[in-house]
C-alpha cells in the first residue's frame, strides 16, 4: 500500500490536470508518428535552457520561468509540460521541447473547462518570452480579476527560434508538432473547451506569421487568430524554398486568406514610433516597417472575400518591434478581442 501522502499528491495532480483520453476535435490527425505515451522523456528535453538573449536583457530559462508545479491554489500558475513530437529523417527531435502553460486562479478546484489562447513567440525567442518579457501572468490575472468570464488557459510553446512551419527537408517540423502534438496534449491533460470556439492563436513577429498560418491551414481548430508586428511574408525565414515555389506559397498567409472566412482576426503593426524615451526602443520600428506591406496585402485579401463571416480588426499603431509594446497591445487590444469572441469557461459536462 502506498503512503497516504503519495495518494493525496496523485489525486491533486489528476484533479488539477483534468486528464481525459481522446479528443473531440473535428479536424483529423495528419498522420505524424506520435508515441502512445505522449510525454517526452526528460533526458530528451532540449528546450529547458531556452535561447540566451542579450537583447532585450532579462532572459530567464523556460524551465525556471515556467517551473511551478500543478497544485491546488487560489493563485494562477505557470507550469511547463513536455509533449512528445515528430522526429527528423535522422531520428533527432524535429522540434524544440517544452511548453509553458498559464493556468487561471483556482484552476485545480474550479470544476470548469476553459478556452485556450495559444501565444507564439517571435524570432530568436523561446517558450518563456511571453512570461518573462510579456508579463502574461500579470496581464491575465488583472483581466480575470475584473472580468471573471475571461478566465482562460494560455499555452506558450517553443517554435525553434520562431519557425512555426515544417521545413521542406523535414529537419524541423513545428507545424506538425503544434497540430499533432501540442494541441492534442493540452486537450488531453487540461480541462479545455475542445472546439474551435474554445481556441484562439496569436503571436508576435514570426509568431504572428505562425498564428495566421496555422489558423489558415487548420481552420477547424482555431476560431480566433491574431498577429502583432507579424512577419506575414515570412521574410528571412529558412526552410520554405524559393519564394516562387509552392512550398513557400503554401506557407504564406495572404495566399491562404480564403481559408479564414469564418475566423475572427486581429492584427496590429507599428507604422511609426514617436516616443523619445530610450527604453521604448523606437529604432526597432524599422522591422515593422519592413512587414507593413505584407500586413496590408493580407488585410486587403481578407476584406475582398465575398463570403467572409468573421470579424476583422486591423490597426497601424505608434509603437515598435519589442515586447515593451506588444505587452501593451496584448493588454489593450488583443486580449479584449480574443475573449469577446471565445467561449466562456463552462462546467465540466
C-alpha atoms as a PDB file:
ATOM      1  CA  UNK A   1       0.000   0.000   0.000  1.00  0.00           C
ATOM      2  CA  UNK A   2       1.370   3.404  -0.995  1.00  0.00           C
ATOM      3  CA  UNK A   3       1.936   6.074   1.694  1.00  0.00           C
ATOM      4  CA  UNK A   4      -1.015   8.400   2.181  1.00  0.00           C
ATOM      5  CA  UNK A   5       0.891  11.496   1.026  1.00  0.00           C
ATOM      6  CA  UNK A   6       1.560   9.839  -2.347  1.00  0.00           C
ATOM      7  CA  UNK A   7      -2.127   9.067  -2.798  1.00  0.00           C
ATOM      8  CA  UNK A   8      -3.076  12.634  -1.946  1.00  0.00           C
ATOM      9  CA  UNK A   9      -0.425  14.010  -4.311  1.00  0.00           C
ATOM     10  CA  UNK A  10      -1.655  11.787  -7.140  1.00  0.00           C
ATOM     11  CA  UNK A  11      -5.269  12.861  -6.539  1.00  0.00           C
ATOM     12  CA  UNK A  12      -4.405  16.570  -6.565  1.00  0.00           C
ATOM     13  CA  UNK A  13      -2.344  16.220  -9.737  1.00  0.00           C
ATOM     14  CA  UNK A  14      -5.113  14.331 -11.530  1.00  0.00           C
ATOM     15  CA  UNK A  15      -7.713  16.859 -10.439  1.00  0.00           C
ATOM     16  CA  UNK A  16      -5.526  19.766 -11.478  1.00  0.00           C
ATOM     17  CA  UNK A  17      -4.737  18.430 -14.914  1.00  0.00           C
ATOM     18  CA  UNK A  18      -8.209  17.119 -15.611  1.00  0.00           C
ATOM     19  CA  UNK A  19      -6.718  14.444 -17.835  1.00  0.00           C
ATOM     20  CA  UNK A  20      -9.015  12.622 -20.189  1.00  0.00           C
ATOM     21  CA  UNK A  21      -8.493  10.274 -23.088  1.00  0.00           C
ATOM     22  CA  UNK A  22      -9.259  11.189 -26.672  1.00  0.00           C
ATOM     23  CA  UNK A  23     -10.279  14.442 -28.311  1.00  0.00           C
ATOM     24  CA  UNK A  24     -13.457  15.708 -29.899  1.00  0.00           C
ATOM     25  CA  UNK A  25     -11.600  17.849 -32.444  1.00  0.00           C
ATOM     26  CA  UNK A  26     -13.413  17.884 -35.787  1.00  0.00           C
ATOM     27  CA  UNK A  27     -10.108  18.010 -37.676  1.00  0.00           C
ATOM     28  CA  UNK A  28      -8.478  14.614 -38.232  1.00  0.00           C
ATOM     29  CA  UNK A  29      -4.904  13.889 -37.347  1.00  0.00           C
ATOM     30  CA  UNK A  30      -2.370  14.442 -40.100  1.00  0.00           C
ATOM     31  CA  UNK A  31      -0.628  11.106 -39.623  1.00  0.00           C
ATOM     32  CA  UNK A  32       2.541  12.137 -37.779  1.00  0.00           C
ATOM     33  CA  UNK A  33       4.009   9.314 -35.681  1.00  0.00           C
ATOM     34  CA  UNK A  34       3.286  10.090 -32.028  1.00  0.00           C
ATOM     35  CA  UNK A  35       4.268   7.757 -29.233  1.00  0.00           C
ATOM     36  CA  UNK A  36       1.443   6.055 -27.347  1.00  0.00           C
ATOM     37  CA  UNK A  37       2.830   7.732 -24.237  1.00  0.00           C
ATOM     38  CA  UNK A  38       2.673  11.391 -25.171  1.00  0.00           C
ATOM     39  CA  UNK A  39       5.229  12.723 -22.677  1.00  0.00           C
ATOM     40  CA  UNK A  40       8.751  13.390 -23.944  1.00  0.00           C
ATOM     41  CA  UNK A  41      11.305  11.567 -21.768  1.00  0.00           C
ATOM     42  CA  UNK A  42      13.097  14.151 -19.617  1.00  0.00           C
ATOM     43  CA  UNK A  43      16.588  13.228 -20.897  1.00  0.00           C
ATOM     44  CA  UNK A  44      15.483  14.292 -24.401  1.00  0.00           C
ATOM     45  CA  UNK A  45      14.330  17.746 -23.268  1.00  0.00           C
ATOM     46  CA  UNK A  46      16.283  20.159 -25.489  1.00  0.00           C
ATOM     47  CA  UNK A  47      14.427  23.358 -24.602  1.00  0.00           C
ATOM     48  CA  UNK A  48      14.835  23.764 -20.842  1.00  0.00           C
ATOM     49  CA  UNK A  49      17.535  26.445 -21.119  1.00  0.00           C
ATOM     50  CA  UNK A  50      15.818  28.292 -23.957  1.00  0.00           C
ATOM     51  CA  UNK A  51      17.697  30.736 -26.158  1.00  0.00           C
ATOM     52  CA  UNK A  52      20.071  33.000 -24.199  1.00  0.00           C
ATOM     53  CA  UNK A  53      19.388  36.606 -25.149  1.00  0.00           C
ATOM     54  CA  UNK A  54      21.436  39.737 -24.649  1.00  0.00           C
ATOM     55  CA  UNK A  55      18.777  41.999 -26.188  1.00  0.00           C
ATOM     56  CA  UNK A  56      16.450  42.702 -24.552  1.00  0.00           C
ATOM     57  CA  UNK A  57      18.148  41.832 -21.257  1.00  0.00           C
ATOM     58  CA  UNK A  58      16.469  39.745 -18.592  1.00  0.00           C
ATOM     59  CA  UNK A  59      16.040  36.392 -20.316  1.00  0.00           C
ATOM     60  CA  UNK A  60      15.001  33.582 -17.958  1.00  0.00           C
ATOM     61  CA  UNK A  61      15.279  29.930 -18.963  1.00  0.00           C
ATOM     62  CA  UNK A  62      11.852  28.328 -19.601  1.00  0.00           C
ATOM     63  CA  UNK A  63      12.482  25.601 -17.011  1.00  0.00           C
ATOM     64  CA  UNK A  64      12.822  28.319 -14.369  1.00  0.00           C
ATOM     65  CA  UNK A  65      10.360  30.916 -15.697  1.00  0.00           C
ATOM     66  CA  UNK A  66       7.608  28.303 -16.009  1.00  0.00           C
ATOM     67  CA  UNK A  67       8.662  25.938 -13.256  1.00  0.00           C
ATOM     68  CA  UNK A  68       5.657  25.896 -10.934  1.00  0.00           C
ATOM     69  CA  UNK A  69       4.132  22.560 -10.011  1.00  0.00           C
ATOM     70  CA  UNK A  70       0.441  21.874 -10.566  1.00  0.00           C
ATOM     71  CA  UNK A  71      -1.245  22.269  -7.204  1.00  0.00           C
ATOM     72  CA  UNK A  72      -4.459  23.339  -5.571  1.00  0.00           C
ATOM     73  CA  UNK A  73      -4.201  27.096  -5.038  1.00  0.00           C
ATOM     74  CA  UNK A  74      -6.266  30.232  -5.406  1.00  0.00           C
ATOM     75  CA  UNK A  75      -3.443  31.851  -7.341  1.00  0.00           C
ATOM     76  CA  UNK A  76      -2.640  31.426 -11.010  1.00  0.00           C
ATOM     77  CA  UNK A  77       0.140  29.047 -12.004  1.00  0.00           C
ATOM     78  CA  UNK A  78       2.696  28.927 -14.801  1.00  0.00           C
ATOM     79  CA  UNK A  79       3.952  25.414 -15.394  1.00  0.00           C
ATOM     80  CA  UNK A  80       5.986  23.666 -18.082  1.00  0.00           C
ATOM     81  CA  UNK A  81       4.994  20.453 -19.854  1.00  0.00           C
ATOM     82  CA  UNK A  82       6.802  18.215 -22.347  1.00  0.00           C
ATOM     83  CA  UNK A  83       4.613  16.947 -25.201  1.00  0.00           C
ATOM     84  CA  UNK A  84       6.417  14.431 -27.371  1.00  0.00           C
ATOM     85  CA  UNK A  85       6.533  15.136 -31.078  1.00  0.00           C
ATOM     86  CA  UNK A  86       7.882  14.369 -34.542  1.00  0.00           C
ATOM     87  CA  UNK A  87      11.392  13.310 -35.464  1.00  0.00           C
ATOM     88  CA  UNK A  88      13.645  14.433 -38.289  1.00  0.00           C
ATOM     89  CA  UNK A  89      14.715  11.977 -41.009  1.00  0.00           C
ATOM     90  CA  UNK A  90      17.867  11.318 -38.947  1.00  0.00           C
ATOM     91  CA  UNK A  91      15.802  10.449 -35.890  1.00  0.00           C
ATOM     92  CA  UNK A  92      16.536  13.538 -33.773  1.00  0.00           C
ATOM     93  CA  UNK A  93      13.800  15.767 -32.371  1.00  0.00           C
ATOM     94  CA  UNK A  94      12.279  17.861 -35.156  1.00  0.00           C
ATOM     95  CA  UNK A  95      11.100  20.448 -32.611  1.00  0.00           C
ATOM     96  CA  UNK A  96      12.330  22.301 -29.541  1.00  0.00           C
ATOM     97  CA  UNK A  97      10.693  20.819 -26.477  1.00  0.00           C
ATOM     98  CA  UNK A  98       8.837  22.465 -23.639  1.00  0.00           C
ATOM     99  CA  UNK A  99       5.516  24.326 -23.434  1.00  0.00           C
ATOM    100  CA  UNK A 100       4.799  26.999 -20.821  1.00  0.00           C
ATOM    101  CA  UNK A 101       1.179  26.924 -19.629  1.00  0.00           C
ATOM    102  CA  UNK A 102      -0.622  29.643 -17.688  1.00  0.00           C
ATOM    103  CA  UNK A 103      -3.481  28.287 -15.553  1.00  0.00           C
ATOM    104  CA  UNK A 104      -6.041  30.786 -14.209  1.00  0.00           C
ATOM    105  CA  UNK A 105      -6.560  31.407 -10.481  1.00  0.00           C
ATOM    106  CA  UNK A 106      -8.236  28.493  -8.752  1.00  0.00           C
ATOM    107  CA  UNK A 107      -7.898  26.179 -11.753  1.00  0.00           C
ATOM    108  CA  UNK A 108      -7.453  22.963  -9.753  1.00  0.00           C
ATOM    109  CA  UNK A 109     -10.761  23.165  -7.866  1.00  0.00           C
ATOM    110  CA  UNK A 110     -12.902  25.244 -10.224  1.00  0.00           C
ATOM    111  CA  UNK A 111     -14.569  22.311 -11.973  1.00  0.00           C
ATOM    112  CA  UNK A 112     -14.571  24.358 -15.190  1.00  0.00           C
ATOM    113  CA  UNK A 113     -13.409  23.810 -18.733  1.00  0.00           C
ATOM    114  CA  UNK A 114     -11.531  26.811 -20.129  1.00  0.00           C
ATOM    115  CA  UNK A 115     -10.907  28.347 -23.534  1.00  0.00           C
ATOM    116  CA  UNK A 116      -7.280  28.302 -24.645  1.00  0.00           C
ATOM    117  CA  UNK A 117      -5.119  31.040 -26.135  1.00  0.00           C
ATOM    118  CA  UNK A 118      -2.029  29.758 -27.949  1.00  0.00           C
ATOM    119  CA  UNK A 119       0.547  32.557 -27.839  1.00  0.00           C
ATOM    120  CA  UNK A 120       3.561  32.208 -30.163  1.00  0.00           C
ATOM    121  CA  UNK A 121       6.921  33.925 -29.683  1.00  0.00           C
ATOM    122  CA  UNK A 122       8.981  35.624 -32.375  1.00  0.00           C
ATOM    123  CA  UNK A 123      12.373  35.112 -33.957  1.00  0.00           C
ATOM    124  CA  UNK A 124      15.195  34.469 -31.536  1.00  0.00           C
ATOM    125  CA  UNK A 125      12.743  33.788 -28.723  1.00  0.00           C
ATOM    126  CA  UNK A 126      11.596  30.788 -26.742  1.00  0.00           C
ATOM    127  CA  UNK A 127       8.629  29.454 -24.788  1.00  0.00           C
ATOM    128  CA  UNK A 128       9.247  31.778 -21.825  1.00  0.00           C
ATOM    129  CA  UNK A 129       9.222  35.058 -23.777  1.00  0.00           C
ATOM    130  CA  UNK A 130       5.598  35.940 -23.044  1.00  0.00           C
ATOM    131  CA  UNK A 131       6.120  35.111 -19.374  1.00  0.00           C
ATOM    132  CA  UNK A 132       9.404  36.969 -18.909  1.00  0.00           C
ATOM    133  CA  UNK A 133       9.056  39.883 -21.318  1.00  0.00           C
ATOM    134  CA  UNK A 134       5.307  39.940 -21.979  1.00  0.00           C
ATOM    135  CA  UNK A 135       4.291  39.589 -18.297  1.00  0.00           C
ATOM    136  CA  UNK A 136       1.365  37.487 -19.466  1.00  0.00           C
ATOM    137  CA  UNK A 137       0.660  36.172 -15.980  1.00  0.00           C
ATOM    138  CA  UNK A 138       0.112  39.664 -14.580  1.00  0.00           C
ATOM    139  CA  UNK A 139      -1.929  40.662 -17.641  1.00  0.00           C
ATOM    140  CA  UNK A 140      -4.205  37.641 -17.313  1.00  0.00           C
ATOM    141  CA  UNK A 141      -4.542  37.867 -13.528  1.00  0.00           C
ATOM    142  CA  UNK A 142      -5.523  41.533 -13.760  1.00  0.00           C
ATOM    143  CA  UNK A 143      -8.013  40.915 -16.541  1.00  0.00           C
ATOM    144  CA  UNK A 144      -9.632  37.932 -14.826  1.00  0.00           C
ATOM    145  CA  UNK A 145      -9.995  39.903 -11.577  1.00  0.00           C
ATOM    146  CA  UNK A 146     -12.108  42.451 -13.470  1.00  0.00           C
ATOM    147  CA  UNK A 147     -13.706  40.100 -15.997  1.00  0.00           C
ATOM    148  CA  UNK A 148     -14.020  36.609 -14.423  1.00  0.00           C
ATOM    149  CA  UNK A 149     -15.603  35.203 -17.593  1.00  0.00           C
ATOM    150  CA  UNK A 150     -12.309  35.880 -19.392  1.00  0.00           C
ATOM    151  CA  UNK A 151     -10.529  33.191 -17.376  1.00  0.00           C
ATOM    152  CA  UNK A 152      -8.527  31.064 -19.807  1.00  0.00           C
ATOM    153  CA  UNK A 153      -5.518  28.836 -20.235  1.00  0.00           C
ATOM    154  CA  UNK A 154      -2.610  30.403 -22.137  1.00  0.00           C
ATOM    155  CA  UNK A 155      -0.272  27.995 -23.918  1.00  0.00           C
ATOM    156  CA  UNK A 156       3.199  29.166 -24.963  1.00  0.00           C
ATOM    157  CA  UNK A 157       5.111  26.567 -26.993  1.00  0.00           C
ATOM    158  CA  UNK A 158       8.642  26.760 -28.361  1.00  0.00           C
ATOM    159  CA  UNK A 159       8.898  27.412 -32.086  1.00  0.00           C
ATOM    160  CA  UNK A 160      12.634  26.723 -32.502  1.00  0.00           C
ATOM    161  CA  UNK A 161      13.501  30.472 -32.584  1.00  0.00           C
ATOM    162  CA  UNK A 162      10.250  31.347 -34.316  1.00  0.00           C
ATOM    163  CA  UNK A 163       9.721  28.935 -37.223  1.00  0.00           C
ATOM    164  CA  UNK A 164       6.115  27.750 -36.924  1.00  0.00           C
ATOM    165  CA  UNK A 165       6.011  25.528 -40.009  1.00  0.00           C
ATOM    166  CA  UNK A 166       7.559  22.348 -41.395  1.00  0.00           C
ATOM    167  CA  UNK A 167      10.764  22.796 -43.365  1.00  0.00           C
ATOM    168  CA  UNK A 168      10.938  21.270 -46.827  1.00  0.00           C
ATOM    169  CA  UNK A 169      13.718  18.903 -45.724  1.00  0.00           C
ATOM    170  CA  UNK A 170      11.786  17.954 -42.541  1.00  0.00           C
ATOM    171  CA  UNK A 171      14.706  18.797 -40.255  1.00  0.00           C
ATOM    172  CA  UNK A 172      12.244  20.836 -38.202  1.00  0.00           C
ATOM    173  CA  UNK A 173       8.511  20.120 -38.179  1.00  0.00           C
ATOM    174  CA  UNK A 174       6.919  22.743 -35.992  1.00  0.00           C
ATOM    175  CA  UNK A 175       3.531  22.751 -37.719  1.00  0.00           C
ATOM    176  CA  UNK A 176       3.308  19.004 -37.165  1.00  0.00           C
ATOM    177  CA  UNK A 177       4.464  19.497 -33.575  1.00  0.00           C
ATOM    178  CA  UNK A 178       1.822  22.146 -32.884  1.00  0.00           C
ATOM    179  CA  UNK A 179      -1.122  20.450 -34.590  1.00  0.00           C
ATOM    180  CA  UNK A 180      -0.457  16.771 -33.904  1.00  0.00           C
ATOM    181  CA  UNK A 181       1.306  17.044 -30.544  1.00  0.00           C
ATOM    182  CA  UNK A 182       0.784  20.275 -28.613  1.00  0.00           C
ATOM    183  CA  UNK A 183      -2.930  20.912 -29.190  1.00  0.00           C
ATOM    184  CA  UNK A 184      -3.981  17.280 -28.516  1.00  0.00           C
ATOM    185  CA  UNK A 185      -1.677  17.107 -25.490  1.00  0.00           C
ATOM    186  CA  UNK A 186      -3.205  20.253 -23.973  1.00  0.00           C
ATOM    187  CA  UNK A 187      -6.711  18.915 -24.586  1.00  0.00           C
ATOM    188  CA  UNK A 188      -5.851  15.557 -23.006  1.00  0.00           C
ATOM    189  CA  UNK A 189      -4.080  16.880 -19.928  1.00  0.00           C
ATOM    190  CA  UNK A 190      -6.010  20.059 -19.092  1.00  0.00           C
ATOM    191  CA  UNK A 191      -9.681  20.943 -18.796  1.00  0.00           C
ATOM    192  CA  UNK A 192     -10.151  22.744 -22.089  1.00  0.00           C
ATOM    193  CA  UNK A 193     -13.067  23.594 -24.350  1.00  0.00           C
ATOM    194  CA  UNK A 194     -12.139  21.297 -27.228  1.00  0.00           C
ATOM    195  CA  UNK A 195     -13.763  23.072 -30.163  1.00  0.00           C
ATOM    196  CA  UNK A 196     -12.685  25.942 -32.384  1.00  0.00           C
ATOM    197  CA  UNK A 197     -14.996  28.177 -30.329  1.00  0.00           C
ATOM    198  CA  UNK A 198     -12.668  27.490 -27.400  1.00  0.00           C
ATOM    199  CA  UNK A 199      -9.322  28.058 -29.167  1.00  0.00           C
ATOM    200  CA  UNK A 200      -7.501  31.210 -30.238  1.00  0.00           C
ATOM    201  CA  UNK A 201      -3.992  31.611 -31.608  1.00  0.00           C
ATOM    202  CA  UNK A 202      -1.937  34.802 -31.562  1.00  0.00           C
ATOM    203  CA  UNK A 203       1.702  35.738 -31.868  1.00  0.00           C
ATOM    204  CA  UNK A 204       4.381  38.397 -32.204  1.00  0.00           C
ATOM    205  CA  UNK A 205       6.658  38.949 -35.201  1.00  0.00           C
ATOM    206  CA  UNK A 206       7.463  35.494 -36.643  1.00  0.00           C
ATOM    207  CA  UNK A 207       4.907  34.185 -34.156  1.00  0.00           C
ATOM    208  CA  UNK A 208       2.307  36.364 -35.869  1.00  0.00           C
ATOM    209  CA  UNK A 209       3.190  34.648 -39.121  1.00  0.00           C
ATOM    210  CA  UNK A 210       2.817  31.310 -37.366  1.00  0.00           C
ATOM    211  CA  UNK A 211      -0.519  32.183 -35.776  1.00  0.00           C
ATOM    212  CA  UNK A 212      -2.159  33.298 -39.035  1.00  0.00           C
ATOM    213  CA  UNK A 213      -0.557  30.427 -40.936  1.00  0.00           C
ATOM    214  CA  UNK A 214      -1.747  27.718 -38.549  1.00  0.00           C
ATOM    215  CA  UNK A 215      -5.209  29.290 -38.294  1.00  0.00           C
ATOM    216  CA  UNK A 216      -5.498  29.308 -42.097  1.00  0.00           C
ATOM    217  CA  UNK A 217      -4.158  25.792 -42.630  1.00  0.00           C
ATOM    218  CA  UNK A 218      -6.273  24.361 -39.779  1.00  0.00           C
ATOM    219  CA  UNK A 219      -9.454  26.477 -39.694  1.00  0.00           C
ATOM    220  CA  UNK A 220     -11.407  23.778 -37.839  1.00  0.00           C
ATOM    221  CA  UNK A 221      -9.088  24.124 -34.843  1.00  0.00           C
ATOM    222  CA  UNK A 222      -8.928  27.882 -34.197  1.00  0.00           C
ATOM    223  CA  UNK A 223     -11.861  30.280 -34.125  1.00  0.00           C
ATOM    224  CA  UNK A 224      -9.803  33.423 -33.448  1.00  0.00           C
ATOM    225  CA  UNK A 225      -6.352  34.400 -34.718  1.00  0.00           C
ATOM    226  CA  UNK A 226      -4.108  37.432 -34.480  1.00  0.00           C
ATOM    227  CA  UNK A 227      -0.701  38.895 -35.002  1.00  0.00           C
ATOM    228  CA  UNK A 228       1.340  41.718 -33.521  1.00  0.00           C
ATOM    229  CA  UNK A 229       4.088  43.068 -35.816  1.00  0.00           C
ATOM    230  CA  UNK A 230       3.511  39.919 -37.854  1.00  0.00           C
ATOM    231  CA  UNK A 231       6.057  38.760 -40.425  1.00  0.00           C
ATOM    232  CA  UNK A 232       3.323  37.614 -42.811  1.00  0.00           C
ATOM    233  CA  UNK A 233       5.612  37.315 -45.852  1.00  0.00           C
ATOM    234  CA  UNK A 234       7.985  35.008 -43.940  1.00  0.00           C
ATOM    235  CA  UNK A 235      10.869  37.384 -44.665  1.00  0.00           C
ATOM    236  CA  UNK A 236      14.252  35.759 -43.947  1.00  0.00           C
ATOM    237  CA  UNK A 237      12.603  32.584 -42.616  1.00  0.00           C
ATOM    238  CA  UNK A 238      14.529  29.455 -43.690  1.00  0.00           C
ATOM    239  CA  UNK A 239      13.373  26.082 -44.927  1.00  0.00           C
ATOM    240  CA  UNK A 240      10.452  27.123 -47.166  1.00  0.00           C
ATOM    241  CA  UNK A 241      12.205  27.086 -50.526  1.00  0.00           C
ATOM    242  CA  UNK A 242      12.285  29.800 -53.150  1.00  0.00           C
ATOM    243  CA  UNK A 243       9.525  32.480 -52.917  1.00  0.00           C
ATOM    244  CA  UNK A 244       8.229  31.295 -56.291  1.00  0.00           C
ATOM    245  CA  UNK A 245       7.922  27.682 -55.124  1.00  0.00           C
ATOM    246  CA  UNK A 246       4.704  26.004 -53.995  1.00  0.00           C
ATOM    247  CA  UNK A 247       6.360  25.192 -50.662  1.00  0.00           C
ATOM    248  CA  UNK A 248       6.694  28.916 -49.981  1.00  0.00           C
ATOM    249  CA  UNK A 249       3.246  29.953 -51.208  1.00  0.00           C
ATOM    250  CA  UNK A 250       1.613  27.208 -49.150  1.00  0.00           C
ATOM    251  CA  UNK A 251       3.057  28.872 -46.038  1.00  0.00           C
ATOM    252  CA  UNK A 252       2.233  32.483 -46.914  1.00  0.00           C
ATOM    253  CA  UNK A 253      -0.811  33.869 -45.140  1.00  0.00           C
ATOM    254  CA  UNK A 254      -2.025  36.121 -47.971  1.00  0.00           C
ATOM    255  CA  UNK A 255      -2.276  33.116 -50.291  1.00  0.00           C
ATOM    256  CA  UNK A 256      -4.420  31.332 -47.702  1.00  0.00           C
ATOM    257  CA  UNK A 257      -6.904  34.131 -46.992  1.00  0.00           C
ATOM    258  CA  UNK A 258      -9.808  32.137 -48.437  1.00  0.00           C
ATOM    259  CA  UNK A 259      -9.437  29.612 -45.595  1.00  0.00           C
ATOM    260  CA  UNK A 260     -10.096  32.277 -42.953  1.00  0.00           C
ATOM    261  CA  UNK A 261     -13.625  33.341 -43.924  1.00  0.00           C
ATOM    262  CA  UNK A 262     -15.084  32.121 -40.612  1.00  0.00           C
ATOM    263  CA  UNK A 263     -12.143  33.140 -38.400  1.00  0.00           C
ATOM    264  CA  UNK A 264     -12.179  36.302 -36.274  1.00  0.00           C
ATOM    265  CA  UNK A 265      -8.943  38.191 -36.913  1.00  0.00           C
ATOM    266  CA  UNK A 266      -6.985  40.959 -35.191  1.00  0.00           C
ATOM    267  CA  UNK A 267      -3.705  42.483 -36.372  1.00  0.00           C
ATOM    268  CA  UNK A 268      -1.616  45.398 -35.136  1.00  0.00           C
ATOM    269  CA  UNK A 269       1.604  46.699 -36.617  1.00  0.00           C
ATOM    270  CA  UNK A 270       3.685  49.817 -35.942  1.00  0.00           C
ATOM    271  CA  UNK A 271       3.678  52.354 -38.759  1.00  0.00           C
ATOM    272  CA  UNK A 272       5.556  54.911 -36.652  1.00  0.00           C
ATOM    273  CA  UNK A 273       7.245  55.324 -33.271  1.00  0.00           C
ATOM    274  CA  UNK A 274       7.217  58.848 -31.889  1.00  0.00           C
ATOM    275  CA  UNK A 275       8.379  58.158 -28.339  1.00  0.00           C
ATOM    276  CA  UNK A 276      11.558  59.916 -27.236  1.00  0.00           C
ATOM    277  CA  UNK A 277      12.156  57.539 -24.314  1.00  0.00           C
ATOM    278  CA  UNK A 278      15.292  55.426 -24.913  1.00  0.00           C
ATOM    279  CA  UNK A 279      13.671  52.473 -23.136  1.00  0.00           C
ATOM    280  CA  UNK A 280      10.946  52.364 -25.786  1.00  0.00           C
ATOM    281  CA  UNK A 281      13.488  51.248 -28.408  1.00  0.00           C
ATOM    282  CA  UNK A 282      11.886  53.141 -31.263  1.00  0.00           C
ATOM    283  CA  UNK A 283      14.726  52.212 -33.592  1.00  0.00           C
ATOM    284  CA  UNK A 284      13.272  48.707 -33.829  1.00  0.00           C
ATOM    285  CA  UNK A 285      10.200  50.068 -35.629  1.00  0.00           C
ATOM    286  CA  UNK A 286      12.239  49.594 -38.812  1.00  0.00           C
ATOM    287  CA  UNK A 287      11.356  45.881 -38.573  1.00  0.00           C
ATOM    288  CA  UNK A 288       7.638  46.616 -38.550  1.00  0.00           C
ATOM    289  CA  UNK A 289       8.173  48.966 -41.481  1.00  0.00           C
ATOM    290  CA  UNK A 290       9.502  46.030 -43.485  1.00  0.00           C
ATOM    291  CA  UNK A 291       6.462  43.928 -42.519  1.00  0.00           C
ATOM    292  CA  UNK A 292       3.754  46.543 -43.235  1.00  0.00           C
ATOM    293  CA  UNK A 293       3.312  45.801 -46.978  1.00  0.00           C
ATOM    294  CA  UNK A 294       2.510  42.137 -46.293  1.00  0.00           C
ATOM    295  CA  UNK A 295       0.084  43.085 -43.497  1.00  0.00           C
ATOM    296  CA  UNK A 296      -1.728  45.500 -45.802  1.00  0.00           C
ATOM    297  CA  UNK A 297      -1.852  42.923 -48.609  1.00  0.00           C
ATOM    298  CA  UNK A 298      -3.214  40.301 -46.221  1.00  0.00           C
ATOM    299  CA  UNK A 299      -5.908  42.628 -44.876  1.00  0.00           C
ATOM    300  CA  UNK A 300      -6.886  43.641 -48.430  1.00  0.00           C
ATOM    301  CA  UNK A 301      -7.196  39.963 -49.360  1.00  0.00           C
ATOM    302  CA  UNK A 302      -9.371  39.314 -46.301  1.00  0.00           C
ATOM    303  CA  UNK A 303     -11.615  42.304 -46.998  1.00  0.00           C
ATOM    304  CA  UNK A 304     -12.031  41.202 -50.609  1.00  0.00           C
ATOM    305  CA  UNK A 305     -13.537  37.868 -49.604  1.00  0.00           C
ATOM    306  CA  UNK A 306     -17.211  37.990 -50.695  1.00  0.00           C
ATOM    307  CA  UNK A 307     -18.412  35.381 -48.200  1.00  0.00           C
ATOM    308  CA  UNK A 308     -16.414  36.427 -45.185  1.00  0.00           C
ATOM    309  CA  UNK A 309     -18.259  35.957 -41.869  1.00  0.00           C
ATOM    310  CA  UNK A 310     -15.554  36.544 -39.265  1.00  0.00           C
ATOM    311  CA  UNK A 311     -14.740  39.863 -37.611  1.00  0.00           C
ATOM    312  CA  UNK A 312     -11.617  41.783 -38.641  1.00  0.00           C
ATOM    313  CA  UNK A 313      -9.780  44.418 -36.607  1.00  0.00           C
ATOM    314  CA  UNK A 314      -6.615  45.927 -38.112  1.00  0.00           C
ATOM    315  CA  UNK A 315      -4.661  48.921 -36.859  1.00  0.00           C
ATOM    316  CA  UNK A 316      -1.382  50.590 -37.705  1.00  0.00           C
ATOM    317  CA  UNK A 317      -0.167  51.983 -34.404  1.00  0.00           C
ATOM    318  CA  UNK A 318       2.501  54.146 -32.775  1.00  0.00           C
ATOM    319  CA  UNK A 319       4.854  51.515 -31.385  1.00  0.00           C
ATOM    320  CA  UNK A 320       7.986  49.477 -32.133  1.00  0.00           C
ATOM    321  CA  UNK A 321       9.148  45.888 -32.540  1.00  0.00           C
ATOM    322  CA  UNK A 322       9.625  44.936 -28.880  1.00  0.00           C
ATOM    323  CA  UNK A 323       7.798  43.219 -26.022  1.00  0.00           C
ATOM    324  CA  UNK A 324       7.506  46.552 -24.212  1.00  0.00           C
ATOM    325  CA  UNK A 325       4.998  47.449 -26.946  1.00  0.00           C
ATOM    326  CA  UNK A 326       3.493  44.011 -27.560  1.00  0.00           C
ATOM    327  CA  UNK A 327       2.722  43.794 -23.849  1.00  0.00           C
ATOM    328  CA  UNK A 328       0.553  46.918 -24.120  1.00  0.00           C
ATOM    329  CA  UNK A 329      -1.049  45.797 -27.371  1.00  0.00           C
ATOM    330  CA  UNK A 330      -1.870  42.422 -25.877  1.00  0.00           C
ATOM    331  CA  UNK A 331      -3.415  44.074 -22.820  1.00  0.00           C
ATOM    332  CA  UNK A 332      -5.372  46.815 -24.578  1.00  0.00           C
ATOM    333  CA  UNK A 333      -6.327  45.237 -27.902  1.00  0.00           C
ATOM    334  CA  UNK A 334      -5.736  41.526 -28.330  1.00  0.00           C
ATOM    335  CA  UNK A 335      -6.931  40.073 -25.033  1.00  0.00           C
ATOM    336  CA  UNK A 336     -10.204  42.045 -25.145  1.00  0.00           C
ATOM    337  CA  UNK A 337     -10.778  40.997 -28.777  1.00  0.00           C
ATOM    338  CA  UNK A 338      -9.888  37.358 -28.220  1.00  0.00           C
ATOM    339  CA  UNK A 339     -12.107  36.923 -25.173  1.00  0.00           C
ATOM    340  CA  UNK A 340     -15.018  38.731 -26.784  1.00  0.00           C
ATOM    341  CA  UNK A 341     -15.006  36.024 -29.476  1.00  0.00           C
ATOM    342  CA  UNK A 342     -14.106  32.902 -27.455  1.00  0.00           C
ATOM    343  CA  UNK A 343     -16.451  30.681 -25.481  1.00  0.00           C
ATOM    344  CA  UNK A 344     -16.719  31.390 -21.742  1.00  0.00           C
ATOM    345  CA  UNK A 345     -15.496  28.904 -19.131  1.00  0.00           C
ATOM    346  CA  UNK A 346     -18.083  26.181 -18.609  1.00  0.00           C
ATOM    347  CA  UNK A 347     -18.813  23.469 -16.071  1.00  0.00           C
ATOM    348  CA  UNK A 348     -17.356  20.095 -16.922  1.00  0.00           C
ATOM    349  CA  UNK A 349     -20.037  18.023 -18.628  1.00  0.00           C
END
